[in-house]
Protein backbone atom coordinates (compact mmCIF):
# COMPACT_ATOMS: atom_id res chain seq x y z
CA MET A 1 -7.37 24.35 22.93
CA ALA A 2 -10.21 21.80 23.35
CA ALA A 3 -12.01 23.69 20.54
CA LEU A 4 -9.08 23.37 18.16
CA ILE A 5 -8.77 19.68 18.84
CA ARG A 6 -12.46 18.95 18.13
CA SER A 7 -12.21 21.25 14.83
CA GLN A 8 -9.28 19.12 13.53
CA SER A 9 -10.41 15.55 12.57
CA GLY A 10 -6.91 14.22 12.28
CA ILE A 11 -5.92 15.57 15.72
CA SER A 12 -9.08 14.55 17.58
CA ALA A 13 -8.87 10.98 16.22
CA CYS A 14 -5.20 10.72 17.13
CA GLY A 15 -3.80 12.99 19.65
CA SER A 16 -4.31 14.69 22.93
CA VAL A 17 -3.84 18.10 24.39
CA ARG A 18 -0.38 17.10 25.67
CA SER A 19 0.77 15.67 22.41
CA LEU A 20 -0.39 18.72 20.49
CA TYR A 21 1.39 20.99 22.89
CA THR A 22 4.50 19.00 22.48
CA ALA A 23 4.30 19.16 18.61
CA ILE A 24 3.84 22.95 18.89
CA CYS A 25 6.83 23.37 21.00
CA LEU A 26 9.00 21.11 18.72
CA ALA A 27 7.75 23.05 15.74
CA MET A 28 8.80 26.28 17.24
CA LEU A 29 12.15 24.94 18.33
CA TYR A 30 13.10 23.33 14.92
CA GLY A 31 11.13 25.62 12.52
CA LEU A 32 8.11 24.67 10.50
CA SER A 33 10.33 24.50 7.31
CA GLY A 34 12.60 21.52 8.72
CA SER A 35 12.84 18.47 6.71
CA THR A 36 10.61 15.43 6.93
CA ARG A 37 13.44 13.40 7.99
CA ILE A 38 14.18 15.57 11.02
CA ARG A 39 10.55 15.65 12.11
CA THR A 40 10.19 11.95 11.75
CA ASP A 41 13.24 11.25 13.86
CA LEU A 42 12.01 13.64 16.56
CA TYR A 43 8.59 12.21 16.78
CA ASP A 44 9.03 8.45 16.48
CA SER A 45 10.76 5.63 18.22
CA CYS A 46 10.48 2.99 15.37
CA LYS A 47 12.87 0.28 15.36
CA TRP A 48 12.17 -0.38 11.66
CA LYS A 49 13.83 1.54 8.83
CA CYS A 50 11.98 0.63 5.80
CA LEU A 51 8.29 0.55 4.58
CA ILE A 52 6.94 -1.50 1.59
CA PHE A 53 3.95 -0.03 -0.31
CA ALA A 54 2.30 -2.87 -2.20
CA GLN A 55 -0.24 -2.66 -5.02
CA LEU A 56 -2.13 -5.60 -6.34
CA TRP A 57 -3.59 -6.09 -9.96
CA PRO A 58 -7.00 -7.49 -9.43
CA GLY A 59 -7.23 -9.09 -12.94
CA SER A 60 -4.41 -11.41 -11.96
CA PHE A 61 -5.24 -11.90 -8.27
CA CYS A 62 -8.55 -13.43 -8.92
CA MET A 63 -6.90 -16.21 -11.16
CA THR A 64 -5.16 -17.56 -8.12
CA LEU A 65 -8.46 -18.33 -6.34
CA PRO A 66 -11.21 -20.89 -6.92
CA PRO A 67 -14.23 -19.59 -8.95
CA GLN A 68 -16.89 -17.51 -7.05
CA SER A 69 -14.34 -16.80 -4.11
CA CYS A 70 -13.03 -13.71 -5.73
CA THR A 71 -14.91 -10.55 -6.96
CA ILE A 72 -13.80 -7.21 -8.57
CA PRO A 73 -16.21 -4.58 -7.37
CA ASP A 74 -17.83 -2.66 -10.24
CA ASP A 75 -16.14 0.59 -9.32
CA VAL A 76 -12.58 -0.77 -9.08
CA ASP A 77 -10.87 0.01 -12.50
CA GLY A 78 -7.05 -0.43 -11.86
CA TRP A 79 -4.34 -1.29 -9.29
CA THR A 80 -5.78 -1.61 -5.79
CA ILE A 81 -3.90 -1.22 -2.52
CA HIS A 82 -2.53 -4.36 -0.85
CA GLY A 83 -0.82 -2.68 2.17
CA LEU A 84 1.78 -0.53 3.70
CA TRP A 85 4.13 -2.71 5.79
CA PRO A 86 7.00 -1.84 8.03
CA LEU A 87 9.69 -4.33 7.27
CA GLY A 88 10.66 -6.86 9.96
CA PHE A 89 7.73 -6.26 12.44
CA LEU A 90 4.13 -7.68 12.82
CA ASN A 91 1.26 -7.38 15.21
CA CYS A 92 2.91 -4.81 17.55
CA ASN A 93 -0.11 -4.13 19.68
CA SER A 94 -2.81 -6.61 20.05
CA SER A 95 -4.95 -4.33 22.18
CA TRP A 96 -5.20 -1.49 19.66
CA HIS A 97 -8.32 -2.23 17.79
CA LEU A 98 -9.59 -0.58 14.66
CA THR A 99 -13.24 0.83 14.67
CA LEU A 100 -15.29 2.08 11.84
CA LYS A 101 -15.50 5.54 13.52
CA ASP A 102 -11.64 5.80 13.21
CA ILE A 103 -11.84 5.81 9.40
CA GLU A 104 -15.49 6.71 8.69
CA ASP A 105 -14.57 9.61 6.55
CA LEU A 106 -12.25 7.60 4.45
CA SER A 107 -14.44 4.57 3.99
CA GLU A 108 -15.59 5.52 0.41
CA ASN A 109 -12.17 5.97 -0.94
CA LEU A 110 -10.98 2.88 0.96
CA ARG A 111 -13.56 0.77 -0.75
CA HIS A 112 -12.55 2.12 -4.11
CA TYR A 113 -8.87 1.85 -3.76
CA TRP A 114 -8.34 -0.71 -1.00
CA PRO A 115 -11.10 -3.01 -1.61
CA SER A 116 -11.51 -6.70 -0.43
CA LEU A 117 -11.38 -8.91 -3.48
CA THR A 118 -12.48 -12.02 -1.56
CA GLU A 119 -15.48 -13.05 0.48
CA THR A 120 -13.85 -11.24 3.53
CA PRO A 121 -15.70 -8.02 4.38
CA ALA A 122 -13.79 -4.75 3.51
CA PHE A 123 -13.62 -3.65 7.02
CA THR A 124 -12.38 -7.07 8.32
CA PHE A 125 -9.59 -6.79 5.66
CA TRP A 126 -8.73 -3.23 6.88
CA GLU A 127 -8.72 -4.50 10.50
CA LYS A 128 -6.29 -7.14 9.73
CA GLU A 129 -4.01 -4.76 7.92
CA TRP A 130 -4.24 -2.33 10.97
CA TYR A 131 -3.54 -5.07 13.45
CA ARG A 132 -0.57 -6.70 11.40
CA HIS A 133 1.04 -3.58 10.00
CA GLY A 134 -0.55 -0.43 11.09
CA THR A 135 0.13 -0.94 14.81
CA CYS A 136 3.83 -1.32 14.02
CA ALA A 137 3.80 1.85 11.78
CA ALA A 138 2.13 3.79 14.52
CA CYS A 139 5.49 4.53 16.11
CA ALA A 140 5.98 7.22 13.38
CA ASN A 141 4.07 10.53 13.83
CA SER A 142 2.86 10.36 10.17
CA MET A 143 1.01 7.14 11.12
CA SER A 144 0.50 7.39 14.86
CA CYS A 145 -3.13 6.40 14.80
CA PRO A 146 -5.62 4.50 12.43
CA HIS A 147 -6.84 7.70 10.61
CA LYS A 148 -3.32 8.84 9.91
CA TYR A 149 -2.28 5.42 8.73
CA PHE A 150 -4.99 4.90 6.30
CA SER A 151 -4.98 8.54 5.05
CA LEU A 152 -1.25 8.14 4.28
CA VAL A 153 -1.91 4.87 2.42
CA LEU A 154 -4.54 6.70 0.30
CA GLN A 155 -2.09 9.46 -0.43
CA LEU A 156 0.54 7.05 -1.58
CA ARG A 157 -1.89 5.48 -3.84
CA SER A 158 -2.47 8.96 -5.43
CA LYS A 159 1.15 9.57 -5.72
CA PHE A 160 2.27 6.17 -7.09
CA THR A 161 -0.20 5.84 -10.03
CA ILE A 162 0.70 2.62 -11.77
CA ASN A 163 -2.28 2.94 -14.07
CA GLU A 164 -1.09 6.23 -15.61
CA ALA A 165 2.57 5.29 -15.77
CA PHE A 166 1.82 2.14 -17.71
CA ALA A 167 -0.66 3.83 -20.01
CA ALA A 168 1.92 6.52 -20.80
CA ALA A 169 4.31 3.76 -21.86
CA GLY A 170 1.78 2.00 -24.09
CA ILE A 171 1.32 -0.85 -21.52
CA THR A 172 -2.18 -1.91 -21.43
CA PRO A 173 -4.00 -5.02 -20.22
CA SER A 174 -4.29 -7.76 -22.89
CA CYS A 175 -4.86 -11.56 -23.19
CA ASN A 176 -2.52 -11.78 -26.08
CA SER A 177 0.24 -9.10 -25.83
CA SER A 178 3.11 -9.57 -23.36
CA TYR A 179 5.90 -7.32 -22.07
CA LYS A 180 9.50 -7.68 -21.17
CA LEU A 181 10.42 -6.81 -17.63
CA GLU A 182 12.71 -4.02 -18.74
CA HIS A 183 9.72 -2.41 -20.46
CA LEU A 184 7.60 -2.47 -17.21
CA CYS A 185 10.44 -1.27 -15.05
CA SER A 186 11.25 1.60 -17.42
CA ALA A 187 7.62 2.81 -17.19
CA LEU A 188 7.86 2.94 -13.41
CA SER A 189 11.21 4.51 -13.33
CA ALA A 190 9.97 7.54 -11.46
CA MET A 191 9.00 5.28 -8.57
CA GLY A 192 12.61 4.28 -7.92
CA THR A 193 15.08 1.72 -9.11
CA ASP A 194 14.39 -0.76 -6.31
CA ILE A 195 10.73 -1.52 -7.12
CA ASN A 196 9.88 -5.16 -6.99
CA LEU A 197 7.55 -6.53 -9.80
CA GLN A 198 6.10 -9.76 -8.53
CA CYS A 199 4.55 -12.53 -10.87
CA TYR A 200 2.53 -15.83 -10.62
CA THR A 201 3.04 -18.56 -13.01
CA ILE A 202 -0.26 -19.89 -14.55
CA LYS A 203 -0.37 -22.36 -17.49
CA ASN A 204 3.43 -21.70 -18.14
CA ARG A 205 2.70 -17.92 -18.38
CA GLN A 206 4.25 -15.41 -16.09
CA ILE A 207 1.39 -13.16 -14.90
CA LEU A 208 2.00 -9.67 -13.32
CA MET A 209 0.51 -9.86 -10.02
CA GLN A 210 2.00 -7.12 -7.53
CA ILE A 211 4.29 -4.20 -7.42
CA LYS A 212 6.25 -3.32 -4.24
CA ILE A 213 7.67 0.13 -3.86
CA PRO A 214 10.32 0.41 -0.96
CA LEU A 215 10.17 3.64 1.10
CA SER A 216 12.50 4.97 3.80
CA LYS A 217 11.08 5.94 7.26
CA ASP A 218 10.72 9.70 6.05
CA LEU A 219 8.63 8.31 3.00
CA SER A 220 11.28 9.14 0.49
CA ILE A 221 11.55 6.59 -2.37
CA GLY A 222 13.91 3.88 -1.92
CA CYS A 223 15.34 1.92 1.08
CA ASN A 224 18.04 -0.54 1.74
CA THR A 225 15.75 -3.52 2.25
CA PRO A 226 16.86 -7.07 3.38
CA LYS A 227 16.33 -9.76 0.64
CA GLU A 228 13.08 -11.42 0.99
CA ASN A 229 12.73 -15.12 1.39
CA PHE A 230 10.51 -15.78 -1.77
CA SER A 231 10.45 -19.64 -1.25
CA GLU A 232 7.90 -18.94 1.42
CA GLN A 233 5.78 -16.49 -0.49
CA PHE A 234 2.95 -16.88 -2.90
CA TYR A 235 4.35 -14.66 -5.57
CA HIS A 236 7.86 -14.45 -7.02
CA PRO A 237 10.08 -11.77 -8.58
CA CYS A 238 9.07 -11.43 -12.17
CA SER A 239 11.81 -12.92 -14.46
CA ASN A 240 13.75 -11.50 -17.44
CA GLU A 241 13.80 -14.94 -18.81
CA ALA A 242 10.11 -14.97 -19.91
CA GLU A 243 7.63 -12.50 -21.31
CA ILE A 244 5.21 -11.13 -18.68
CA TYR A 245 1.44 -11.06 -19.23
CA PHE A 246 -0.85 -8.22 -17.83
CA TYR A 247 -4.46 -9.62 -18.15
CA PRO A 248 -7.65 -7.45 -18.33
CA PHE A 249 -10.59 -7.32 -16.11
CA THR A 250 -13.42 -9.51 -17.42
CA ASP A 251 -16.90 -10.69 -16.36
CA HIS A 252 -15.06 -13.91 -15.32
CA PRO A 253 -12.31 -12.74 -13.09
CA HIS A 254 -11.00 -16.17 -12.37
CA ASN A 255 -10.48 -16.87 -15.98
CA PRO A 256 -10.12 -13.60 -17.87
CA CYS A 257 -8.45 -15.27 -21.01
CA PRO A 258 -9.83 -18.67 -21.64
């Protein structure tokens, strides 16, 4: 049994002999082909029902910060991860700290798909996301330790490929072209009807900033999420009343379209 645990990185990082034994017994009882929803309900004690998976557009994000305080790494070429957040809960376990060893084998992909775009070091950014959100998600078996949580977020980034969806619909970054909200939503229709496109107004232009995808506890698309209080947030839902701009990456990220 110990050899099995050492040979499985996910198990060794997250579980114990007892938890593995319990999982095997439950799998035998309910069958390995049982639905994700059944397995989730068996393994977790989460009080939250919905998750938000948020992706950020670096070409817009850097415009909201002072010059020199935002940098887009050279290997970043598209939408980046902002986070995976259980709704309604924050900072659930202040004593559960993230270590580099927890996610060492994921760090290369995390730096590419979940970079820090500010002066904050990447690991410090991930620490904050784990402390604020990951410790609350850890009540679910699919995210029950740092390695599982960050692995899952990377998997979601591979599943919800905004870059490809926009390109297929002819939506490309531009300083001059703009788009209607309906066009953007239509391009992302495979990601559900409840996605939330968020914008920021700069120089009287509505700039696409962030896309939030609601997920249920079993990770299926869509969830009956409560309405957010956008008066207290940095971004706001993109409006039908104005065209939406989708700016490119440039050598001057704080001012890509002078």
